[in-house]
Amino acid sequence: RHVGHVPMVYSHMRTFDPDGRDQRYWDEPSTPLYPFGH
């Protein structure tokens, strides 16, 4: 979505908090604008 998100890859690790993956940034979603393979 924004330069502040890079590097962003689809093949990231699950981490100990997988359910909060889209909440890593408080100011906007930490999900991609368009996913890999889109």
PDB file of all heavy atoms in Angstrom:
ATOM      1  N   ARG A   1       0.820  -1.207   0.000  1.00  0.00           N
ATOM      2  CA  ARG A   1       0.000   0.000   0.000  1.00  0.00           C
ATOM      3  C   ARG A   1       0.857   1.262   0.000  1.00  0.00           C
ATOM      4  O   ARG A   1       0.482   2.271  -0.579  1.00  0.00           O
ATOM      5  CB  ARG A   1      -0.918   0.012   1.228  1.00  0.00           C
ATOM      6  CG  ARG A   1      -1.916  -1.126   1.258  1.00  0.00           C
ATOM      7  CD  ARG A   1      -2.723  -1.150   2.556  1.00  0.00           C
ATOM      8  NE  ARG A   1      -3.617  -2.307   2.565  1.00  0.00           N
ATOM      9  CZ  ARG A   1      -4.844  -2.307   2.027  1.00  0.00           C
ATOM     10  NH1 ARG A   1      -5.311  -1.216   1.475  1.00  0.00           N
ATOM     11  NH2 ARG A   1      -5.582  -3.398   2.069  1.00  0.00           N
ATOM     12  N   HIS A   2       1.995   1.181   0.656  1.00  0.00           N
ATOM     13  CA  HIS A   2       2.774   2.390   0.945  1.00  0.00           C
ATOM     14  C   HIS A   2       4.242   1.991   1.056  1.00  0.00           C
ATOM     15  O   HIS A   2       4.562   0.851   1.394  1.00  0.00           O
ATOM     16  CB  HIS A   2       2.269   3.008   2.264  1.00  0.00           C
ATOM     17  CG  HIS A   2       2.924   4.278   2.652  1.00  0.00           C
ATOM     18  ND1 HIS A   2       4.056   4.322   3.434  1.00  0.00           N
ATOM     19  CD2 HIS A   2       2.610   5.567   2.379  1.00  0.00           C
ATOM     20  CE1 HIS A   2       4.401   5.583   3.624  1.00  0.00           C
ATOM     21  NE2 HIS A   2       3.548   6.350   2.992  1.00  0.00           N
ATOM     22  N   VAL A   3       5.125   2.937   0.800  1.00  0.00           N
ATOM     23  CA  VAL A   3       6.555   2.639   0.872  1.00  0.00           C
ATOM     24  C   VAL A   3       6.974   2.176   2.265  1.00  0.00           C
ATOM     25  O   VAL A   3       7.926   1.397   2.419  1.00  0.00           O
ATOM     26  CB  VAL A   3       7.389   3.864   0.435  1.00  0.00           C
ATOM     27  CG1 VAL A   3       7.296   4.992   1.461  1.00  0.00           C
ATOM     28  CG2 VAL A   3       8.842   3.477   0.184  1.00  0.00           C
ATOM     29  N   GLY A   4       6.244   2.624   3.287  1.00  0.00           N
ATOM     30  CA  GLY A   4       6.565   2.214   4.641  1.00  0.00           C
ATOM     31  C   GLY A   4       6.319   0.744   4.907  1.00  0.00           C
ATOM     32  O   GLY A   4       6.738   0.228   5.948  1.00  0.00           O
ATOM     33  N   HIS A   5       5.668   0.048   3.983  1.00  0.00           N
ATOM     34  CA  HIS A   5       5.385  -1.377   4.143  1.00  0.00           C
ATOM     35  C   HIS A   5       6.496  -2.267   3.590  1.00  0.00           C
ATOM     36  O   HIS A   5       6.476  -3.477   3.826  1.00  0.00           O
ATOM     37  CB  HIS A   5       4.082  -1.739   3.430  1.00  0.00           C
ATOM     38  CG  HIS A   5       2.863  -1.208   4.116  1.00  0.00           C
ATOM     39  ND1 HIS A   5       1.587  -1.530   3.697  1.00  0.00           N
ATOM     40  CD2 HIS A   5       2.699  -0.386   5.182  1.00  0.00           C
ATOM     41  CE1 HIS A   5       0.704  -0.920   4.476  1.00  0.00           C
ATOM     42  NE2 HIS A   5       1.360  -0.226   5.380  1.00  0.00           N
ATOM     43  N   VAL A   6       7.417  -1.713   2.821  1.00  0.00           N
ATOM     44  CA  VAL A   6       8.429  -2.567   2.191  1.00  0.00           C
ATOM     45  C   VAL A   6       9.567  -2.849   3.161  1.00  0.00           C
ATOM     46  O   VAL A   6       9.893  -2.006   4.005  1.00  0.00           O
ATOM     47  CB  VAL A   6       8.975  -1.918   0.894  1.00  0.00           C
ATOM     48  CG1 VAL A   6       7.870  -1.712  -0.115  1.00  0.00           C
ATOM     49  CG2 VAL A   6       9.695  -0.609   1.174  1.00  0.00           C
ATOM     50  N   PRO A   7      10.163  -4.048   3.069  1.00  0.00           N
ATOM     51  CA  PRO A   7       9.793  -5.145   2.169  1.00  0.00           C
ATOM     52  C   PRO A   7       8.564  -5.907   2.659  1.00  0.00           C
ATOM     53  O   PRO A   7       8.425  -6.142   3.862  1.00  0.00           O
ATOM     54  CB  PRO A   7      11.027  -6.032   2.181  1.00  0.00           C
ATOM     55  CG  PRO A   7      11.646  -5.790   3.517  1.00  0.00           C
ATOM     56  CD  PRO A   7      11.377  -4.358   3.843  1.00  0.00           C
ATOM     57  N   MET A   8       7.691  -6.249   1.734  1.00  0.00           N
ATOM     58  CA  MET A   8       6.487  -7.021   2.041  1.00  0.00           C
ATOM     59  C   MET A   8       6.422  -8.196   1.081  1.00  0.00           C
ATOM     60  O   MET A   8       6.465  -8.003  -0.134  1.00  0.00           O
ATOM     61  CB  MET A   8       5.242  -6.139   1.909  1.00  0.00           C
ATOM     62  CG  MET A   8       3.925  -6.886   2.041  1.00  0.00           C
ATOM     63  SD  MET A   8       2.480  -5.808   1.922  1.00  0.00           S
ATOM     64  CE  MET A   8       2.420  -5.183   3.599  1.00  0.00           C
ATOM     65  N   VAL A   9       6.355  -9.412   1.626  1.00  0.00           N
ATOM     66  CA  VAL A   9       6.280 -10.605   0.787  1.00  0.00           C
ATOM     67  C   VAL A   9       5.131 -11.486   1.260  1.00  0.00           C
ATOM     68  O   VAL A   9       4.756 -11.475   2.432  1.00  0.00           O
ATOM     69  CB  VAL A   9       7.595 -11.405   0.818  1.00  0.00           C
ATOM     70  CG1 VAL A   9       8.735 -10.592   0.230  1.00  0.00           C
ATOM     71  CG2 VAL A   9       7.940 -11.858   2.227  1.00  0.00           C
ATOM     72  N   TYR A  10       4.593 -12.246   0.338  1.00  0.00           N
ATOM     73  CA  TYR A  10       3.486 -13.133   0.694  1.00  0.00           C
ATOM     74  C   TYR A  10       3.983 -14.320   1.514  1.00  0.00           C
ATOM     75  O   TYR A  10       3.256 -14.883   2.335  1.00  0.00           O
ATOM     76  CB  TYR A  10       2.774 -13.623  -0.574  1.00  0.00           C
ATOM     77  CG  TYR A  10       3.446 -14.792  -1.244  1.00  0.00           C
ATOM     78  CD1 TYR A  10       3.058 -16.102  -0.966  1.00  0.00           C
ATOM     79  CD2 TYR A  10       4.510 -14.607  -2.132  1.00  0.00           C
ATOM     80  CE1 TYR A  10       3.692 -17.179  -1.553  1.00  0.00           C
ATOM     81  CE2 TYR A  10       5.140 -15.680  -2.728  1.00  0.00           C
ATOM     82  CZ  TYR A  10       4.733 -16.960  -2.440  1.00  0.00           C
ATOM     83  OH  TYR A  10       5.373 -18.023  -3.020  1.00  0.00           O
ATOM     84  N   SER A  11       5.241 -14.722   1.297  1.00  0.00           N
ATOM     85  CA  SER A  11       5.769 -15.943   1.923  1.00  0.00           C
ATOM     86  C   SER A  11       6.458 -15.640   3.246  1.00  0.00           C
ATOM     87  O   SER A  11       7.569 -16.104   3.503  1.00  0.00           O
ATOM     88  CB  SER A  11       6.734 -16.634   0.965  1.00  0.00           C
ATOM     89  OG  SER A  11       7.745 -15.737   0.539  1.00  0.00           O
ATOM     90  N   HIS A  12       5.786 -14.870   4.079  1.00  0.00           N
ATOM     91  CA  HIS A  12       6.314 -14.544   5.393  1.00  0.00           C
ATOM     92  C   HIS A  12       6.069 -15.706   6.366  1.00  0.00           C
ATOM     93  O   HIS A  12       5.311 -16.640   6.082  1.00  0.00           O
ATOM     94  CB  HIS A  12       5.652 -13.269   5.921  1.00  0.00           C
ATOM     95  CG  HIS A  12       4.144 -13.353   5.936  1.00  0.00           C
ATOM     96  ND1 HIS A  12       3.445 -14.024   6.917  1.00  0.00           N
ATOM     97  CD2 HIS A  12       3.212 -12.846   5.094  1.00  0.00           C
ATOM     98  CE1 HIS A  12       2.148 -13.940   6.677  1.00  0.00           C
ATOM     99  NE2 HIS A  12       1.977 -13.225   5.570  1.00  0.00           N
ATOM    100  N   MET A  13       6.703 -15.618   7.516  1.00  0.00           N
ATOM    101  CA  MET A  13       6.488 -16.653   8.532  1.00  0.00           C
ATOM    102  C   MET A  13       5.159 -16.417   9.261  1.00  0.00           C
ATOM    103  O   MET A  13       4.617 -15.307   9.262  1.00  0.00           O
ATOM    104  CB  MET A  13       7.645 -16.662   9.528  1.00  0.00           C
ATOM    105  CG  MET A  13       8.990 -16.974   8.911  1.00  0.00           C
ATOM    106  SD  MET A  13       8.995 -18.587   8.073  1.00  0.00           S
ATOM    107  CE  MET A  13      10.676 -18.601   7.414  1.00  0.00           C
ATOM    108  N   ARG A  14       4.668 -17.445   9.910  1.00  0.00           N
ATOM    109  CA  ARG A  14       3.366 -17.365  10.574  1.00  0.00           C
ATOM    110  C   ARG A  14       3.421 -16.460  11.801  1.00  0.00           C
ATOM    111  O   ARG A  14       2.501 -15.687  12.046  1.00  0.00           O
ATOM    112  CB  ARG A  14       2.927 -18.785  10.969  1.00  0.00           C
ATOM    113  CG  ARG A  14       1.544 -18.860  11.597  1.00  0.00           C
ATOM    114  CD  ARG A  14       1.141 -20.318  11.735  1.00  0.00           C
ATOM    115  NE  ARG A  14      -0.076 -20.459  12.527  1.00  0.00           N
ATOM    116  CZ  ARG A  14      -1.306 -20.267  12.057  1.00  0.00           C
ATOM    117  NH1 ARG A  14      -1.469 -19.921  10.793  1.00  0.00           N
ATOM    118  NH2 ARG A  14      -2.360 -20.424  12.835  1.00  0.00           N
ATOM    119  N   THR A  15       4.511 -16.498  12.554  1.00  0.00           N
ATOM    120  CA  THR A  15       4.744 -15.755  13.801  1.00  0.00           C
ATOM    121  C   THR A  15       3.842 -16.260  14.917  1.00  0.00           C
ATOM    122  O   THR A  15       2.898 -17.028  14.685  1.00  0.00           O
ATOM    123  CB  THR A  15       4.567 -14.236  13.648  1.00  0.00           C
ATOM    124  OG1 THR A  15       3.191 -13.868  13.747  1.00  0.00           O
ATOM    125  CG2 THR A  15       5.190 -13.714  12.374  1.00  0.00           C
ATOM    126  N   PHE A  16       4.111 -15.775  16.143  1.00  0.00           N
ATOM    127  CA  PHE A  16       3.316 -16.212  17.291  1.00  0.00           C
ATOM    128  C   PHE A  16       1.971 -15.491  17.374  1.00  0.00           C
ATOM    129  O   PHE A  16       1.143 -15.809  18.227  1.00  0.00           O
ATOM    130  CB  PHE A  16       4.101 -15.983  18.588  1.00  0.00           C
ATOM    131  CG  PHE A  16       4.336 -14.532  18.897  1.00  0.00           C
ATOM    132  CD1 PHE A  16       3.417 -13.793  19.628  1.00  0.00           C
ATOM    133  CD2 PHE A  16       5.488 -13.894  18.450  1.00  0.00           C
ATOM    134  CE1 PHE A  16       3.633 -12.465  19.904  1.00  0.00           C
ATOM    135  CE2 PHE A  16       5.708 -12.561  18.725  1.00  0.00           C
ATOM    136  CZ  PHE A  16       4.777 -11.839  19.452  1.00  0.00           C
ATOM    137  N   ASP A  17       1.731 -14.506  16.490  1.00  0.00           N
ATOM    138  CA  ASP A  17       0.461 -13.771  16.492  1.00  0.00           C
ATOM    139  C   ASP A  17      -0.125 -13.723  15.080  1.00  0.00           C
ATOM    140  O   ASP A  17      -0.278 -12.665  14.482  1.00  0.00           O
ATOM    141  CB  ASP A  17       0.685 -12.349  17.005  1.00  0.00           C
ATOM    142  CG  ASP A  17      -0.620 -11.556  17.105  1.00  0.00           C
ATOM    143  OD1 ASP A  17      -1.701 -12.187  17.192  1.00  0.00           O
ATOM    144  OD2 ASP A  17      -0.553 -10.319  17.065  1.00  0.00           O
ATOM    145  N   PRO A  18      -0.462 -14.884  14.509  1.00  0.00           N
ATOM    146  CA  PRO A  18      -0.935 -14.886  13.121  1.00  0.00           C
ATOM    147  C   PRO A  18      -2.258 -14.158  12.937  1.00  0.00           C
ATOM    148  O   PRO A  18      -2.503 -13.588  11.881  1.00  0.00           O
ATOM    149  CB  PRO A  18      -1.070 -16.387  12.801  1.00  0.00           C
ATOM    150  CG  PRO A  18      -1.234 -17.048  14.138  1.00  0.00           C
ATOM    151  CD  PRO A  18      -0.410 -16.242  15.086  1.00  0.00           C
ATOM    152  N   ASP A  19      -3.119 -14.144  13.955  1.00  0.00           N
ATOM    153  CA  ASP A  19      -4.425 -13.510  13.805  1.00  0.00           C
ATOM    154  C   ASP A  19      -4.324 -11.990  13.719  1.00  0.00           C
ATOM    155  O   ASP A  19      -5.245 -11.330  13.238  1.00  0.00           O
ATOM    156  CB  ASP A  19      -5.336 -13.895  14.974  1.00  0.00           C
ATOM    157  CG  ASP A  19      -5.658 -15.385  14.980  1.00  0.00           C
ATOM    158  OD1 ASP A  19      -5.596 -16.002  13.898  1.00  0.00           O
ATOM    159  OD2 ASP A  19      -5.952 -15.926  16.055  1.00  0.00           O
ATOM    160  N   GLY A  20      -3.212 -11.434  14.184  1.00  0.00           N
ATOM    161  CA  GLY A  20      -3.054  -9.978  14.129  1.00  0.00           C
ATOM    162  C   GLY A  20      -2.221  -9.506  12.962  1.00  0.00           C
ATOM    163  O   GLY A  20      -1.732  -8.369  12.956  1.00  0.00           O
ATOM    164  N   ARG A  21      -2.079 -10.366  11.966  1.00  0.00           N
ATOM    165  CA  ARG A  21      -1.186 -10.048  10.851  1.00  0.00           C
ATOM    166  C   ARG A  21      -1.563  -8.750  10.152  1.00  0.00           C
ATOM    167  O   ARG A  21      -0.701  -7.979   9.729  1.00  0.00           O
ATOM    168  CB  ARG A  21      -1.211 -11.199   9.848  1.00  0.00           C
ATOM    169  CG  ARG A  21      -0.175 -11.062   8.742  1.00  0.00           C
ATOM    170  CD  ARG A  21       1.196 -11.454   9.226  1.00  0.00           C
ATOM    171  NE  ARG A  21       2.235 -10.876   8.369  1.00  0.00           N
ATOM    172  CZ  ARG A  21       3.534 -11.059   8.552  1.00  0.00           C
ATOM    173  NH1 ARG A  21       3.957 -11.791   9.556  1.00  0.00           N
ATOM    174  NH2 ARG A  21       4.407 -10.527   7.740  1.00  0.00           N
ATOM    175  N   ASP A  22      -2.868  -8.482   9.993  1.00  0.00           N
ATOM    176  CA  ASP A  22      -3.277  -7.277   9.269  1.00  0.00           C
ATOM    177  C   ASP A  22      -3.310  -6.050  10.173  1.00  0.00           C
ATOM    178  O   ASP A  22      -3.750  -4.979   9.760  1.00  0.00           O
ATOM    179  CB  ASP A  22      -4.645  -7.483   8.611  1.00  0.00           C
ATOM    180  CG  ASP A  22      -5.759  -7.696   9.621  1.00  0.00           C
ATOM    181  OD1 ASP A  22      -5.443  -7.948  10.805  1.00  0.00           O
ATOM    182  OD2 ASP A  22      -6.936  -7.621   9.232  1.00  0.00           O
ATOM    183  N   GLN A  23      -2.822  -6.176  11.421  1.00  0.00           N
ATOM    184  CA  GLN A  23      -2.850  -5.057  12.361  1.00  0.00           C
ATOM    185  C   GLN A  23      -1.445  -4.672  12.825  1.00  0.00           C
ATOM    186  O   GLN A  23      -1.265  -4.090  13.884  1.00  0.00           O
ATOM    187  CB  GLN A  23      -3.710  -5.427  13.573  1.00  0.00           C
ATOM    188  CG  GLN A  23      -5.142  -5.785  13.204  1.00  0.00           C
ATOM    189  CD  GLN A  23      -5.880  -6.439  14.358  1.00  0.00           C
ATOM    190  OE1 GLN A  23      -5.393  -6.499  15.489  1.00  0.00           O
ATOM    191  NE2 GLN A  23      -7.073  -6.946  14.069  1.00  0.00           N
ATOM    192  N   ARG A  24      -0.435  -4.985  12.038  1.00  0.00           N
ATOM    193  CA  ARG A  24       0.938  -4.674  12.435  1.00  0.00           C
ATOM    194  C   ARG A  24       1.180  -3.171  12.497  1.00  0.00           C
ATOM    195  O   ARG A  24       2.034  -2.704  13.238  1.00  0.00           O
ATOM    196  CB  ARG A  24       1.928  -5.318  11.469  1.00  0.00           C
ATOM    197  CG  ARG A  24       1.865  -6.848  11.426  1.00  0.00           C
ATOM    198  CD  ARG A  24       2.360  -7.472  12.736  1.00  0.00           C
ATOM    199  NE  ARG A  24       2.588  -8.907  12.584  1.00  0.00           N
ATOM    200  CZ  ARG A  24       1.869  -9.844  13.157  1.00  0.00           C
ATOM    201  NH1 ARG A  24       0.843  -9.518  13.925  1.00  0.00           N
ATOM    202  NH2 ARG A  24       2.158 -11.118  12.969  1.00  0.00           N
ATOM    203  N   TYR A  25       0.487  -2.401  11.660  1.00  0.00           N
ATOM    204  CA  TYR A  25       0.548  -0.944  11.718  1.00  0.00           C
ATOM    205  C   TYR A  25      -0.774  -0.434  12.286  1.00  0.00           C
ATOM    206  O   TYR A  25      -1.842  -0.920  11.918  1.00  0.00           O
ATOM    207  CB  TYR A  25       0.761  -0.341  10.323  1.00  0.00           C
ATOM    208  CG  TYR A  25       2.022  -0.814   9.633  1.00  0.00           C
ATOM    209  CD1 TYR A  25       1.957  -1.689   8.544  1.00  0.00           C
ATOM    210  CD2 TYR A  25       3.279  -0.378  10.044  1.00  0.00           C
ATOM    211  CE1 TYR A  25       3.107  -2.120   7.901  1.00  0.00           C
ATOM    212  CE2 TYR A  25       4.430  -0.805   9.406  1.00  0.00           C
ATOM    213  CZ  TYR A  25       4.338  -1.678   8.331  1.00  0.00           C
ATOM    214  OH  TYR A  25       5.475  -2.099   7.700  1.00  0.00           O
ATOM    215  N   TRP A  26      -0.714   0.576  13.151  1.00  0.00           N
ATOM    216  CA  TRP A  26      -1.967   1.051  13.740  1.00  0.00           C
ATOM    217  C   TRP A  26      -2.691   2.045  12.847  1.00  0.00           C
ATOM    218  O   TRP A  26      -3.886   2.297  13.017  1.00  0.00           O
ATOM    219  CB  TRP A  26      -1.720   1.696  15.104  1.00  0.00           C
ATOM    220  CG  TRP A  26      -0.820   2.911  15.100  1.00  0.00           C
ATOM    221  CD1 TRP A  26       0.497   2.937  15.401  1.00  0.00           C
ATOM    222  CD2 TRP A  26      -1.203   4.267  14.792  1.00  0.00           C
ATOM    223  NE1 TRP A  26       0.993   4.211  15.294  1.00  0.00           N
ATOM    224  CE2 TRP A  26      -0.046   5.058  14.930  1.00  0.00           C
ATOM    225  CE3 TRP A  26      -2.398   4.900  14.435  1.00  0.00           C
ATOM    226  CZ2 TRP A  26      -0.038   6.438  14.701  1.00  0.00           C
ATOM    227  CZ3 TRP A  26      -2.397   6.264  14.208  1.00  0.00           C
ATOM    228  CH2 TRP A  26      -1.236   7.023  14.341  1.00  0.00           C
ATOM    229  N   ASP A  27      -1.969   2.621  11.855  1.00  0.00           N
ATOM    230  CA  ASP A  27      -2.578   3.690  11.065  1.00  0.00           C
ATOM    231  C   ASP A  27      -3.269   3.195   9.797  1.00  0.00           C
ATOM    232  O   ASP A  27      -4.061   3.931   9.197  1.00  0.00           O
ATOM    233  CB  ASP A  27      -1.538   4.754  10.694  1.00  0.00           C
ATOM    234  CG  ASP A  27      -0.311   4.175  10.017  1.00  0.00           C
ATOM    235  OD1 ASP A  27      -0.016   2.993  10.227  1.00  0.00           O
ATOM    236  OD2 ASP A  27       0.367   4.923   9.283  1.00  0.00           O
ATOM    237  N   GLU A  28      -2.978   1.969   9.353  1.00  0.00           N
ATOM    238  CA  GLU A  28      -3.677   1.403   8.199  1.00  0.00           C
ATOM    239  C   GLU A  28      -3.378  -0.093   8.156  1.00  0.00           C
ATOM    240  O   GLU A  28      -2.460  -0.563   8.827  1.00  0.00           O
ATOM    241  CB  GLU A  28      -3.256   2.069   6.891  1.00  0.00           C
ATOM    242  CG  GLU A  28      -1.828   1.859   6.473  1.00  0.00           C
ATOM    243  CD  GLU A  28      -1.555   2.492   5.104  1.00  0.00           C
ATOM    244  OE1 GLU A  28      -2.430   2.420   4.226  1.00  0.00           O
ATOM    245  OE2 GLU A  28      -0.474   3.074   4.942  1.00  0.00           O
ATOM    246  N   PRO A  29      -4.145  -0.861   7.381  1.00  0.00           N
ATOM    247  CA  PRO A  29      -3.915  -2.308   7.342  1.00  0.00           C
ATOM    248  C   PRO A  29      -2.501  -2.624   6.869  1.00  0.00           C
ATOM    249  O   PRO A  29      -1.937  -1.934   6.014  1.00  0.00           O
ATOM    250  CB  PRO A  29      -4.961  -2.808   6.334  1.00  0.00           C
ATOM    251  CG  PRO A  29      -6.014  -1.758   6.330  1.00  0.00           C
ATOM    252  CD  PRO A  29      -5.303  -0.458   6.561  1.00  0.00           C
ATOM    253  N   SER A  30      -1.936  -3.672   7.409  1.00  0.00           N
ATOM    254  CA  SER A  30      -0.606  -4.096   6.979  1.00  0.00           C
ATOM    255  C   SER A  30      -0.713  -5.239   5.977  1.00  0.00           C
ATOM    256  O   SER A  30       0.159  -6.108   5.908  1.00  0.00           O
ATOM    257  CB  SER A  30       0.241  -4.506   8.181  1.00  0.00           C
ATOM    258  OG  SER A  30      -0.415  -5.500   8.941  1.00  0.00           O
ATOM    259  N   THR A  31      -1.781  -5.226   5.231  1.00  0.00           N
ATOM    260  CA  THR A  31      -1.980  -6.183   4.138  1.00  0.00           C
ATOM    261  C   THR A  31      -1.620  -5.498   2.822  1.00  0.00           C
ATOM    262  O   THR A  31      -1.631  -4.270   2.722  1.00  0.00           O
ATOM    263  CB  THR A  31      -3.446  -6.636   4.087  1.00  0.00           C
ATOM    264  OG1 THR A  31      -4.289  -5.477   4.068  1.00  0.00           O
ATOM    265  CG2 THR A  31      -3.786  -7.481   5.293  1.00  0.00           C
ATOM    266  N   PRO A  32      -1.292  -6.259   1.795  1.00  0.00           N
ATOM    267  CA  PRO A  32      -0.942  -5.637   0.518  1.00  0.00           C
ATOM    268  C   PRO A  32      -2.147  -5.022  -0.169  1.00  0.00           C
ATOM    269  O   PRO A  32      -3.300  -5.399   0.097  1.00  0.00           O
ATOM    270  CB  PRO A  32      -0.381  -6.806  -0.299  1.00  0.00           C
ATOM    271  CG  PRO A  32      -1.001  -8.019   0.285  1.00  0.00           C
ATOM    272  CD  PRO A  32      -1.159  -7.728   1.752  1.00  0.00           C
ATOM    273  N   LEU A  33      -1.872  -4.088  -1.061  1.00  0.00           N
ATOM    274  CA  LEU A  33      -2.939  -3.550  -1.895  1.00  0.00           C
ATOM    275  C   LEU A  33      -3.398  -4.617  -2.882  1.00  0.00           C
ATOM    276  O   LEU A  33      -4.600  -4.814  -3.095  1.00  0.00           O
ATOM    277  CB  LEU A  33      -2.445  -2.299  -2.634  1.00  0.00           C
ATOM    278  CG  LEU A  33      -3.504  -1.503  -3.390  1.00  0.00           C
ATOM    279  CD1 LEU A  33      -4.543  -0.935  -2.425  1.00  0.00           C
ATOM    280  CD2 LEU A  33      -2.854  -0.375  -4.197  1.00  0.00           C
ATOM    281  N   TYR A  34      -2.416  -5.323  -3.486  1.00  0.00           N
ATOM    282  CA  TYR A  34      -2.700  -6.452  -4.378  1.00  0.00           C
ATOM    283  C   TYR A  34      -1.726  -7.573  -4.024  1.00  0.00           C
ATOM    284  O   TYR A  34      -0.524  -7.350  -3.910  1.00  0.00           O
ATOM    285  CB  TYR A  34      -2.520  -6.059  -5.848  1.00  0.00           C
ATOM    286  CG  TYR A  34      -3.281  -4.824  -6.262  1.00  0.00           C
ATOM    287  CD1 TYR A  34      -2.604  -3.674  -6.646  1.00  0.00           C
ATOM    288  CD2 TYR A  34      -4.674  -4.811  -6.266  1.00  0.00           C
ATOM    289  CE1 TYR A  34      -3.288  -2.534  -7.024  1.00  0.00           C
ATOM    290  CE2 TYR A  34      -5.373  -3.676  -6.640  1.00  0.00           C
ATOM    291  CZ  TYR A  34      -4.670  -2.530  -7.018  1.00  0.00           C
ATOM    292  OH  TYR A  34      -5.362  -1.401  -7.380  1.00  0.00           O
ATOM    293  N   PRO A  35      -2.225  -8.800  -3.870  1.00  0.00           N
ATOM    294  CA  PRO A  35      -1.346  -9.892  -3.435  1.00  0.00           C
ATOM    295  C   PRO A  35      -0.464 -10.432  -4.555  1.00  0.00           C
ATOM    296  O   PRO A  35      -0.741 -10.224  -5.747  1.00  0.00           O
ATOM    297  CB  PRO A  35      -2.340 -10.964  -2.971  1.00  0.00           C
ATOM    298  CG  PRO A  35      -3.562 -10.717  -3.801  1.00  0.00           C
ATOM    299  CD  PRO A  35      -3.637  -9.221  -3.972  1.00  0.00           C
ATOM    300  N   PHE A  36       0.579 -11.115  -4.173  1.00  0.00           N
ATOM    301  CA  PHE A  36       1.420 -11.821  -5.127  1.00  0.00           C
ATOM    302  C   PHE A  36       0.557 -12.770  -5.961  1.00  0.00           C
ATOM    303  O   PHE A  36      -0.333 -13.447  -5.455  1.00  0.00           O
ATOM    304  CB  PHE A  36       2.486 -12.627  -4.376  1.00  0.00           C
ATOM    305  CG  PHE A  36       3.328 -13.501  -5.258  1.00  0.00           C
ATOM    306  CD1 PHE A  36       4.409 -12.983  -5.943  1.00  0.00           C
ATOM    307  CD2 PHE A  36       3.035 -14.852  -5.402  1.00  0.00           C
ATOM    308  CE1 PHE A  36       5.182 -13.790  -6.764  1.00  0.00           C
ATOM    309  CE2 PHE A  36       3.809 -15.665  -6.219  1.00  0.00           C
ATOM    310  CZ  PHE A  36       4.882 -15.131  -6.904  1.00  0.00           C
ATOM    311  N   GLY A  37       0.813 -12.801  -7.261  1.00  0.00           N
ATOM    312  CA  GLY A  37       0.053 -13.667  -8.157  1.00  0.00           C
ATOM    313  C   GLY A  37      -1.254 -13.084  -8.634  1.00  0.00           C
ATOM    314  O   GLY A  37      -1.960 -13.708  -9.437  1.00  0.00           O
ATOM    315  N   HIS A  38      -1.591 -11.866  -8.179  1.00  0.00           N
ATOM    316  CA  HIS A  38      -2.878 -11.252  -8.505  1.00  0.00           C
ATOM    317  C   HIS A  38      -2.931 -10.811  -9.960  1.00  0.00           C
ATOM    318  O   HIS A  38      -1.947 -10.336 -10.519  1.00  0.00           O
ATOM    319  CB  HIS A  38      -3.116 -10.051  -7.600  1.00  0.00           C
ATOM    320  CG  HIS A  38      -4.302  -9.211  -7.982  1.00  0.00           C
ATOM    321  ND1 HIS A  38      -5.597  -9.614  -7.777  1.00  0.00           N
ATOM    322  CD2 HIS A  38      -4.376  -7.978  -8.563  1.00  0.00           C
ATOM    323  CE1 HIS A  38      -6.425  -8.671  -8.195  1.00  0.00           C
ATOM    324  NE2 HIS A  38      -5.712  -7.670  -8.675  1.00  0.00           N
TER     325      HIS A  38
END
